[in-house]
């Protein structure tokens, strides 16, 4: 009962102590019960089968290290991912991480989260300057963590070359065409049963243009896009561009060391129905799994009339702004490109890591052909070039691919200088129109 209105009766000392102990004990019990950790599921959109396998295989290991983080990786065909991103990001949707080429990110920079300082520091410390520059804005903001680099090299079947009396791989485009003619086999009807050189002649999207650009254009001193200040213009409506198309037309319809209606790419090479072709390091992994008895070598790309060079395009991981798990996404990305994982990636999945400060000796011991690709990053005189850093590049290359695929089917272009000039001129006009539509055409 209260002694005075609104005031409690005084407590005895014993009762006060008992109540204090009870309250303190309750607080201690509350403090000893930690808040439940945040459960995170990182969603990743992957572009290539090898990347999907890599992330899926390593995900359980990462979850062991970080039990509250789970990884869900979805594989898309390359063109399907392009279309998915084009719809999702502007609509405010998307994954936590996208496996992307630096060029693919360009049209979506406004939707991307730039890397935090610790990730920027890691990339600057462990990646070549060219990789950081390609994956950053002009202000130096890192939009993609470079992981692997797309370089091309010449794969050649050593048994086929020996059979034809050829002692070493071709060093120039002229030798490449000459050897291709010697290596080609035909049946009694004249149908090619073994292509001397497999040319990329089909396949949707900008990859077709990329292979044409890498094999026949840049070595002849031709860029698809020429820079002019912060603008661009078509760079191939010239002698070098025409020479590049002539190289393909001659191979398909004049010397006939390749045919459109036959198997192509790594499958053809692995089956022995193509003696040579140019492609990236993933083919080493493909052949190991699908054609382990094929005897082959790898050499740096043949020289052209103007240059000895290859594409060095960065691919890696980007984090969209829509991600609700950005901190965890950047941590996972940085873990994916650490020393141990890069070595595992190169040896077991085939794509070439950008990192040159990692010990890849285990990969070279198991798959010696991989060393040629890493050596190409530091071979004197062997020029490495990236995709043109413009948001219009992907559309330019994709539209060129449609025109090139149609041109490759035209035997009437054999020894037809005016016809080839017309193809290149029409294609260049379309390229410039795309640039103009994006306010990127140089005057």
Protein backbone atom coordinates (compact mmCIF):
# COMPACT_ATOMS: atom_id res chain seq x y z
CA UNK A 1 0.00 0.00 0.00
CA UNK A 2 1.34 3.46 -0.83
CA UNK A 3 2.32 5.76 2.04
CA UNK A 4 1.76 8.85 -0.04
CA UNK A 5 -0.30 9.46 -3.18
CA UNK A 6 1.58 8.26 -6.26
CA UNK A 7 4.74 7.11 -4.49
CA UNK A 8 5.58 3.44 -3.83
CA UNK A 9 6.37 2.18 -0.39
CA UNK A 10 10.09 1.90 0.35
CA UNK A 11 11.58 -1.57 -0.36
CA UNK A 12 13.46 -3.53 2.23
CA UNK A 13 17.15 -3.96 1.44
CA UNK A 14 16.68 -7.73 0.98
CA UNK A 15 13.75 -7.30 -1.46
CA UNK A 16 15.65 -4.66 -3.45
CA UNK A 17 18.66 -6.98 -3.87
CA UNK A 18 16.46 -9.89 -4.92
CA UNK A 19 14.71 -7.81 -7.56
CA UNK A 20 18.04 -6.39 -8.83
CA UNK A 21 19.50 -9.86 -9.27
CA UNK A 22 16.42 -10.99 -11.16
CA UNK A 23 16.56 -8.02 -13.54
CA UNK A 24 20.30 -8.40 -14.10
CA UNK A 25 19.89 -12.11 -14.76
CA UNK A 26 17.22 -11.42 -17.35
CA UNK A 27 19.41 -8.84 -19.12
CA UNK A 28 22.31 -11.26 -19.15
CA UNK A 29 20.16 -13.97 -20.63
CA UNK A 30 18.95 -11.56 -23.34
CA UNK A 31 22.51 -10.47 -24.19
CA UNK A 32 23.67 -14.08 -24.40
CA UNK A 33 21.13 -14.84 -27.17
CA UNK A 34 22.64 -13.52 -30.45
CA UNK A 35 20.47 -12.07 -33.17
CA UNK A 36 19.92 -14.55 -35.98
CA UNK A 37 22.40 -14.00 -38.85
CA UNK A 38 21.03 -12.64 -42.09
CA UNK A 39 20.35 -15.44 -44.56
CA UNK A 40 21.44 -14.42 -48.05
CA UNK A 41 20.92 -16.14 -51.39
CA UNK A 42 23.09 -14.62 -54.08
CA UNK A 43 21.68 -14.99 -57.59
CA UNK A 44 24.15 -15.15 -60.47
CA UNK A 45 23.40 -15.01 -64.19
CA UNK A 46 26.13 -16.83 -66.13
CA UNK A 47 26.93 -16.50 -69.81
CA UNK A 48 29.10 -19.53 -70.55
CA UNK A 49 28.78 -23.17 -69.54
CA UNK A 50 32.28 -23.19 -68.05
CA UNK A 51 31.50 -20.23 -65.79
CA UNK A 52 28.25 -21.83 -64.69
CA UNK A 53 30.08 -25.05 -63.80
CA UNK A 54 32.82 -23.13 -61.99
CA UNK A 55 30.42 -21.17 -59.79
CA UNK A 56 28.13 -24.15 -59.18
CA UNK A 57 31.06 -26.38 -58.23
CA UNK A 58 32.61 -23.83 -55.87
CA UNK A 59 29.36 -22.63 -54.29
CA UNK A 60 29.22 -25.36 -51.59
CA UNK A 61 32.78 -24.51 -50.53
CA UNK A 62 31.85 -20.84 -50.16
CA UNK A 63 28.77 -21.75 -48.12
CA UNK A 64 30.96 -23.82 -45.80
CA UNK A 65 33.05 -20.70 -45.19
CA UNK A 66 29.97 -18.47 -44.97
CA UNK A 67 27.06 -20.63 -43.77
CA UNK A 68 24.47 -17.87 -44.12
CA UNK A 69 25.26 -17.31 -47.81
CA UNK A 70 23.96 -19.57 -50.55
CA UNK A 71 24.67 -19.24 -54.26
CA UNK A 72 22.12 -19.78 -57.01
CA UNK A 73 23.64 -19.64 -60.51
CA UNK A 74 21.52 -19.68 -63.68
CA UNK A 75 23.01 -20.36 -67.12
CA UNK A 76 21.75 -18.46 -70.17
CA UNK A 77 22.72 -18.85 -73.79
CA UNK A 78 24.80 -15.84 -74.75
CA UNK A 79 22.16 -14.06 -76.84
CA UNK A 80 19.45 -15.01 -74.35
CA UNK A 81 21.38 -13.29 -71.56
CA UNK A 82 21.75 -10.17 -73.71
CA UNK A 83 17.98 -10.08 -74.17
CA UNK A 84 17.27 -10.87 -70.51
CA UNK A 85 19.47 -8.05 -69.24
CA UNK A 86 18.06 -5.58 -71.79
CA UNK A 87 14.57 -6.15 -70.37
CA UNK A 88 15.32 -6.73 -66.68
CA UNK A 89 17.68 -3.91 -65.68
CA UNK A 90 15.63 -0.98 -67.06
CA UNK A 91 12.61 -2.51 -65.29
CA UNK A 92 14.42 -2.49 -61.96
CA UNK A 93 14.93 -6.24 -61.86
CA UNK A 94 17.93 -8.50 -62.09
CA UNK A 95 20.33 -10.76 -60.17
CA UNK A 96 22.99 -9.92 -57.61
CA UNK A 97 25.83 -10.73 -60.03
CA UNK A 98 26.13 -10.91 -63.82
CA UNK A 99 28.88 -12.72 -65.72
CA UNK A 100 29.51 -10.15 -68.43
CA UNK A 101 32.01 -8.83 -70.95
CA UNK A 102 33.13 -5.31 -70.15
CA UNK A 103 31.65 -4.24 -73.48
CA UNK A 104 28.27 -5.72 -72.60
CA UNK A 105 28.17 -3.55 -69.47
CA UNK A 106 28.64 -0.32 -71.43
CA UNK A 107 24.97 0.21 -72.39
CA UNK A 108 23.89 -0.43 -68.78
CA UNK A 109 26.34 1.62 -66.74
CA UNK A 110 23.54 3.64 -65.19
CA UNK A 111 22.13 0.42 -63.71
CA UNK A 112 25.45 -0.86 -62.33
CA UNK A 113 26.94 -0.43 -58.87
CA UNK A 114 30.57 0.64 -58.90
CA UNK A 115 32.93 -1.54 -56.88
CA UNK A 116 33.75 -0.58 -53.26
CA UNK A 117 37.26 0.70 -52.37
CA UNK A 118 38.56 -2.64 -51.10
CA UNK A 119 37.61 -4.38 -54.36
CA UNK A 120 39.14 -1.58 -56.42
CA UNK A 121 42.35 -1.91 -54.41
CA UNK A 122 42.40 -5.69 -54.96
CA UNK A 123 41.96 -5.33 -58.72
CA UNK A 124 44.64 -2.63 -59.01
CA UNK A 125 47.05 -4.78 -57.05
CA UNK A 126 46.41 -8.08 -58.82
CA UNK A 127 45.25 -7.32 -62.37
CA UNK A 128 47.09 -5.75 -65.32
CA UNK A 129 46.50 -2.03 -65.79
CA UNK A 130 44.84 -2.75 -69.15
CA UNK A 131 42.21 -4.91 -67.43
CA UNK A 132 41.39 -2.24 -64.86
CA UNK A 133 41.17 0.45 -67.52
CA UNK A 134 38.87 -1.61 -69.75
CA UNK A 135 36.53 -2.37 -66.86
CA UNK A 136 36.33 1.19 -65.53
CA UNK A 137 34.68 4.43 -66.55
CA UNK A 138 36.74 7.37 -67.79
CA UNK A 139 36.66 8.59 -64.18
CA UNK A 140 38.24 5.36 -62.97
CA UNK A 141 35.09 3.87 -61.43
CA UNK A 142 35.30 0.07 -61.58
CA UNK A 143 32.06 -1.36 -62.99
CA UNK A 144 33.22 -4.95 -63.65
CA UNK A 145 35.74 -7.07 -61.76
CA UNK A 146 37.90 -8.52 -64.55
CA UNK A 147 38.18 -12.27 -64.15
CA UNK A 148 39.11 -13.87 -67.44
CA UNK A 149 40.46 -12.54 -70.70
CA UNK A 150 39.30 -13.58 -74.16
CA UNK A 151 42.35 -14.05 -76.35
CA UNK A 152 42.49 -16.15 -79.49
CA UNK A 153 45.13 -18.60 -80.69
CA UNK A 154 45.56 -21.10 -83.52
CA UNK A 155 44.73 -24.74 -82.78
CA UNK A 156 46.30 -27.19 -85.22
CA UNK A 157 46.16 -30.97 -85.53
CA UNK A 158 49.78 -32.16 -85.37
CA UNK A 159 49.04 -35.48 -87.11
CA UNK A 160 47.35 -33.71 -90.02
CA UNK A 161 50.27 -31.30 -90.44
CA UNK A 162 52.82 -34.13 -90.34
CA UNK A 163 50.80 -36.10 -92.88
CA UNK A 164 50.89 -33.09 -95.23
CA UNK A 165 54.64 -32.62 -94.72
CA UNK A 166 54.17 -29.38 -92.76
CA UNK A 167 56.75 -29.11 -89.99
CA UNK A 168 55.45 -26.12 -87.99
CA UNK A 169 52.28 -24.07 -87.70
CA UNK A 170 51.75 -21.11 -90.05
CA UNK A 171 53.21 -17.78 -89.00
CA UNK A 172 51.26 -15.53 -91.38
CA UNK A 173 47.79 -15.34 -92.89
CA UNK A 174 49.27 -16.17 -96.28
CA UNK A 175 50.84 -19.34 -94.86
CA UNK A 176 47.59 -20.11 -93.05
CA UNK A 177 45.68 -20.12 -96.34
CA UNK A 178 48.44 -22.06 -98.12
CA UNK A 179 48.55 -24.76 -95.44
CA UNK A 180 44.75 -24.92 -95.35
CA UNK A 181 44.68 -25.85 -99.04
CA UNK A 182 47.22 -28.63 -98.45
CA UNK A 183 45.37 -30.03 -95.46
CA UNK A 184 41.91 -30.16 -97.02
CA UNK A 185 40.47 -33.53 -98.05
CA UNK A 186 37.52 -34.21 -100.36
CA UNK A 187 35.55 -37.24 -101.44
CA UNK A 188 35.03 -38.42 -105.05
CA UNK A 189 32.25 -35.85 -105.54
CA UNK A 190 34.45 -33.00 -104.35
CA UNK A 191 32.65 -32.59 -101.03
CA UNK A 192 34.96 -31.52 -98.21
CA UNK A 193 35.51 -34.31 -95.70
CA UNK A 194 38.20 -32.43 -93.78
CA UNK A 195 38.50 -28.65 -93.70
CA UNK A 196 42.04 -27.34 -93.80
CA UNK A 197 40.98 -24.26 -91.86
CA UNK A 198 37.62 -23.95 -90.18
CA UNK A 199 36.20 -20.45 -90.52
CA UNK A 200 33.46 -19.10 -88.26
CA UNK A 201 30.66 -18.57 -90.77
CA UNK A 202 27.45 -18.84 -88.76
CA UNK A 203 26.00 -18.37 -85.31
CA UNK A 204 23.76 -15.61 -84.06
CA UNK A 205 24.90 -12.33 -82.62
CA UNK A 206 28.11 -10.42 -82.44
CA UNK A 207 30.44 -13.42 -81.91
CA UNK A 208 30.52 -14.03 -85.67
CA UNK A 209 31.78 -10.49 -86.29
CA UNK A 210 34.29 -10.85 -83.47
CA UNK A 211 35.94 -13.90 -85.05
CA UNK A 212 36.09 -12.20 -88.47
CA UNK A 213 37.55 -9.08 -86.87
CA UNK A 214 40.18 -11.03 -84.93
CA UNK A 215 41.35 -13.36 -87.71
CA UNK A 216 41.21 -11.17 -90.80
CA UNK A 217 40.63 -7.49 -89.99
CA UNK A 218 42.99 -6.34 -87.24
CA UNK A 219 45.99 -8.26 -88.67
CA UNK A 220 45.35 -6.30 -91.89
CA UNK A 221 45.42 -3.03 -89.96
CA UNK A 222 41.65 -2.53 -89.88
CA UNK A 223 39.51 -1.52 -86.89
CA UNK A 224 35.77 -1.97 -86.95
CA UNK A 225 35.42 1.36 -85.17
CA UNK A 226 37.90 4.22 -85.41
CA UNK A 227 37.94 6.64 -82.50
CA UNK A 228 37.74 10.38 -83.07
CA UNK A 229 37.84 12.21 -79.74
CA UNK A 230 34.78 10.90 -77.86
CA UNK A 231 33.04 9.83 -81.09
CA UNK A 232 33.45 6.95 -83.51
CA UNK A 233 33.15 6.00 -87.17
CA UNK A 234 33.34 2.80 -89.24
CA UNK A 235 36.96 1.96 -89.89
CA UNK A 236 36.77 -0.87 -92.42
CA UNK A 237 35.39 0.61 -95.66
CA UNK A 238 38.86 0.50 -97.17
CA UNK A 239 41.42 -1.79 -98.78
CA UNK A 240 42.14 -3.64 -95.54
CA UNK A 241 38.46 -4.32 -94.91
CA UNK A 242 37.96 -5.60 -98.44
CA UNK A 243 41.04 -7.80 -98.10
CA UNK A 244 39.58 -9.32 -94.93
CA UNK A 245 36.32 -10.27 -96.65
CA UNK A 246 38.26 -11.59 -99.64
CA UNK A 247 40.17 -13.91 -97.30
CA UNK A 248 36.91 -15.55 -96.23
CA UNK A 249 35.38 -15.68 -99.71
CA UNK A 250 38.51 -17.30 -101.13
CA UNK A 251 38.55 -19.91 -98.39
CA UNK A 252 34.89 -20.77 -98.82
CA UNK A 253 34.34 -20.52 -102.56
CA UNK A 254 37.65 -20.25 -104.45
CA UNK A 255 40.16 -22.51 -102.71
CA UNK A 256 37.33 -24.30 -100.90
CA UNK A 257 39.20 -25.39 -97.79
CA UNK A 258 36.09 -24.78 -95.67
CA UNK A 259 32.36 -25.18 -96.33
CA UNK A 260 29.35 -23.59 -94.72
CA UNK A 261 27.33 -26.81 -94.60
CA UNK A 262 29.70 -28.87 -92.45
CA UNK A 263 30.50 -29.21 -88.76
CA UNK A 264 32.38 -26.25 -87.31
CA UNK A 265 34.31 -24.93 -84.33
CA UNK A 266 35.61 -27.10 -81.45
CA UNK A 267 33.35 -30.00 -82.34
CA UNK A 268 34.75 -30.20 -85.88
CA UNK A 269 38.33 -29.92 -84.64
CA UNK A 270 37.80 -32.58 -81.99
CA UNK A 271 36.25 -34.95 -84.52
CA UNK A 272 39.19 -34.46 -86.89
CA UNK A 273 37.07 -32.93 -89.65
CA UNK A 274 38.99 -29.65 -89.35
CA UNK A 275 42.77 -29.38 -89.23
CA UNK A 276 43.10 -25.81 -87.91
CA UNK A 277 40.96 -23.12 -86.37
CA UNK A 278 41.35 -20.06 -84.16
CA UNK A 279 39.58 -19.91 -80.84
CA UNK A 280 39.94 -19.16 -77.12
CA UNK A 281 41.50 -21.20 -74.29
CA UNK A 282 38.22 -22.89 -73.32
CA UNK A 283 38.79 -25.26 -76.25
CA UNK A 284 41.59 -26.93 -74.28
CA UNK A 285 39.08 -27.94 -71.63
CA UNK A 286 36.56 -29.00 -74.30
CA UNK A 287 39.07 -31.23 -76.07
CA UNK A 288 40.23 -32.77 -72.81
CA UNK A 289 36.69 -33.83 -72.02
CA UNK A 290 35.32 -34.61 -75.49
CA UNK A 291 38.30 -35.54 -77.68
CA UNK A 292 41.09 -36.67 -75.34
CA UNK A 293 42.94 -38.62 -78.06
CA UNK A 294 43.24 -35.68 -80.45
CA UNK A 295 46.87 -34.70 -80.92
CA UNK A 296 47.17 -30.96 -81.35
CA UNK A 297 49.27 -27.89 -80.74
CA UNK A 298 48.49 -24.25 -80.08
CA UNK A 299 50.32 -21.25 -81.52
CA UNK A 300 49.86 -17.50 -81.30
CA UNK A 301 47.71 -16.09 -84.07
CA UNK A 302 49.33 -15.72 -87.52
CA UNK A 303 50.60 -12.31 -88.57
CA UNK A 304 48.73 -10.24 -91.09
CA UNK A 305 50.11 -7.81 -93.65
CA UNK A 306 50.03 -4.97 -91.12
CA UNK A 307 50.10 -6.40 -87.60
CA UNK A 308 50.68 -9.35 -85.28
CA UNK A 309 47.94 -9.17 -82.71
CA UNK A 310 44.92 -10.64 -80.98
CA UNK A 311 41.88 -9.52 -79.08
CA UNK A 312 42.22 -9.28 -75.30
CA UNK A 313 38.68 -8.66 -74.11
CA UNK A 314 37.89 -8.65 -70.42
CA UNK A 315 35.06 -10.65 -68.95
CA UNK A 316 34.13 -10.70 -65.30
CA UNK A 317 31.48 -9.94 -62.74
CA UNK A 318 29.23 -6.91 -62.41
CA UNK A 319 26.76 -6.05 -59.63
CA UNK A 320 23.51 -4.30 -60.60
CA UNK A 321 22.12 -1.56 -58.38
CA UNK A 322 18.94 -3.60 -57.92
CA UNK A 323 20.87 -6.17 -55.86
CA UNK A 324 19.79 -6.13 -52.21
CA UNK A 325 22.94 -8.05 -51.25
CA UNK A 326 25.68 -5.86 -52.66
CA UNK A 327 28.14 -6.25 -49.79
CA UNK A 328 27.89 -10.05 -49.95
CA UNK A 329 28.07 -9.97 -53.76
CA UNK A 330 31.37 -8.07 -53.83
CA UNK A 331 32.82 -10.36 -51.15
CA UNK A 332 31.87 -13.45 -53.17
CA UNK A 333 33.31 -11.99 -56.37
CA UNK A 334 36.61 -11.20 -54.72
CA UNK A 335 36.75 -14.76 -53.37
CA UNK A 336 36.09 -16.18 -56.84
CA UNK A 337 39.21 -14.47 -58.21
CA UNK A 338 41.63 -15.27 -55.39
CA UNK A 339 44.90 -17.13 -56.08
CA UNK A 340 43.66 -20.64 -55.39
CA UNK A 341 40.44 -20.28 -57.33
CA UNK A 342 42.10 -18.68 -60.36
CA UNK A 343 44.54 -21.61 -60.56
CA UNK A 344 41.65 -24.07 -60.29
CA UNK A 345 39.64 -22.15 -62.86
CA UNK A 346 42.39 -22.23 -65.50
CA UNK A 347 43.24 -25.91 -64.98
CA UNK A 348 39.74 -27.34 -64.72
CA UNK A 349 37.52 -24.97 -66.70
CA UNK A 350 39.81 -23.69 -69.44
CA UNK A 351 39.14 -19.96 -69.65
CA UNK A 352 42.20 -17.77 -69.22
CA UNK A 353 42.34 -15.75 -65.97
CA UNK A 354 43.45 -12.13 -66.25
CA UNK A 355 45.67 -12.53 -63.21
CA UNK A 356 49.31 -13.04 -64.14
CA UNK A 357 50.63 -13.16 -60.54
CA UNK A 358 49.28 -16.65 -59.84
CA UNK A 359 51.16 -19.96 -60.09
CA UNK A 360 49.60 -21.89 -62.99
CA UNK A 361 52.25 -24.62 -63.11
CA UNK A 362 49.73 -27.33 -62.18
CA UNK A 363 47.55 -26.28 -65.11
CA UNK A 364 50.51 -26.29 -67.51
CA UNK A 365 51.62 -29.72 -66.31
CA UNK A 366 48.20 -31.23 -66.97
CA UNK A 367 47.37 -29.14 -70.06
CA UNK A 368 50.52 -27.68 -71.64
CA UNK A 369 48.56 -25.89 -74.40
CA UNK A 370 47.27 -23.41 -71.83
CA UNK A 371 50.73 -21.89 -71.42
CA UNK A 372 50.62 -20.47 -74.94
CA UNK A 373 47.68 -18.27 -73.98
CA UNK A 374 49.37 -16.86 -70.88
CA UNK A 375 52.62 -16.36 -72.80
CA UNK A 376 50.68 -14.31 -75.33
CA UNK A 377 49.95 -11.71 -72.65
CA UNK A 378 53.65 -10.89 -72.38
CA UNK A 379 55.13 -11.71 -75.83
CA UNK A 380 57.00 -8.73 -77.21
CA UNK A 381 55.53 -7.38 -80.44
CA UNK A 382 52.26 -9.26 -80.01
CA UNK A 383 49.67 -6.50 -79.69
CA UNK A 384 46.65 -6.99 -77.46
CA UNK A 385 43.59 -4.87 -78.12
CA UNK A 386 40.19 -4.56 -76.37
CA UNK A 387 36.69 -3.98 -77.66
CA UNK A 388 36.00 -0.34 -78.51
CA UNK A 389 34.67 1.23 -75.28
CA UNK A 390 31.36 2.51 -76.57
CA UNK A 391 27.79 1.59 -75.72
CA UNK A 392 27.03 1.12 -79.43
CA UNK A 393 29.66 -1.58 -80.00
CA UNK A 394 27.43 -4.61 -79.37
CA UNK A 395 24.71 -3.40 -81.74
CA UNK A 396 27.30 -2.54 -84.40
CA UNK A 397 28.86 -6.00 -84.20
CA UNK A 398 25.49 -7.78 -84.11
CA UNK A 399 24.22 -6.01 -87.23
CA UNK A 400 27.51 -6.66 -89.02
CA UNK A 401 27.14 -10.37 -88.21
CA UNK A 402 23.89 -10.57 -90.18
CA UNK A 403 25.50 -8.98 -93.23
CA UNK A 404 28.67 -11.05 -92.98
CA UNK A 405 26.73 -14.34 -92.70
CA UNK A 406 24.86 -13.42 -95.88
CA UNK A 407 28.06 -12.42 -97.71
CA UNK A 408 29.82 -15.67 -96.78
CA UNK A 409 27.16 -17.58 -98.76
CA UNK A 410 27.89 -15.72 -102.00
CA UNK A 411 30.18 -17.54 -104.47
CA UNK A 412 29.60 -14.65 -106.88
CA UNK A 413 32.03 -12.59 -104.77
CA UNK A 414 35.00 -14.69 -105.90
CA UNK A 415 37.41 -12.40 -107.81
CA UNK A 416 34.68 -9.76 -107.65
CA UNK A 417 36.40 -6.66 -106.29
CA UNK A 418 33.45 -4.35 -106.92
CA UNK A 419 31.01 -6.79 -105.28
CA UNK A 420 33.18 -7.06 -102.16
CA UNK A 421 33.58 -3.28 -102.05
CA UNK A 422 29.82 -2.91 -102.24
CA UNK A 423 29.31 -5.31 -99.31
CA UNK A 424 31.80 -3.47 -97.12
CA UNK A 425 30.49 -0.05 -98.09
CA UNK A 426 26.88 -0.98 -97.32
CA UNK A 427 27.90 -2.50 -94.01
CA UNK A 428 29.92 0.59 -93.07
CA UNK A 429 26.95 2.85 -93.82
CA UNK A 430 24.83 0.84 -91.43
CA UNK A 431 27.57 1.01 -88.77
CA UNK A 432 27.72 4.79 -89.10
CA UNK A 433 23.94 5.03 -88.93
CA UNK A 434 23.92 3.10 -85.65
CA UNK A 435 26.55 5.48 -84.30
CA UNK A 436 24.52 8.46 -85.48
CA UNK A 437 21.36 7.10 -83.84
CA UNK A 438 23.29 6.97 -80.56
CA UNK A 439 24.82 10.43 -81.07
CA UNK A 440 28.26 8.82 -81.34
CA UNK A 441 29.15 9.41 -84.99
CA UNK A 442 32.27 11.45 -85.58
CA UNK A 443 31.82 14.23 -88.11
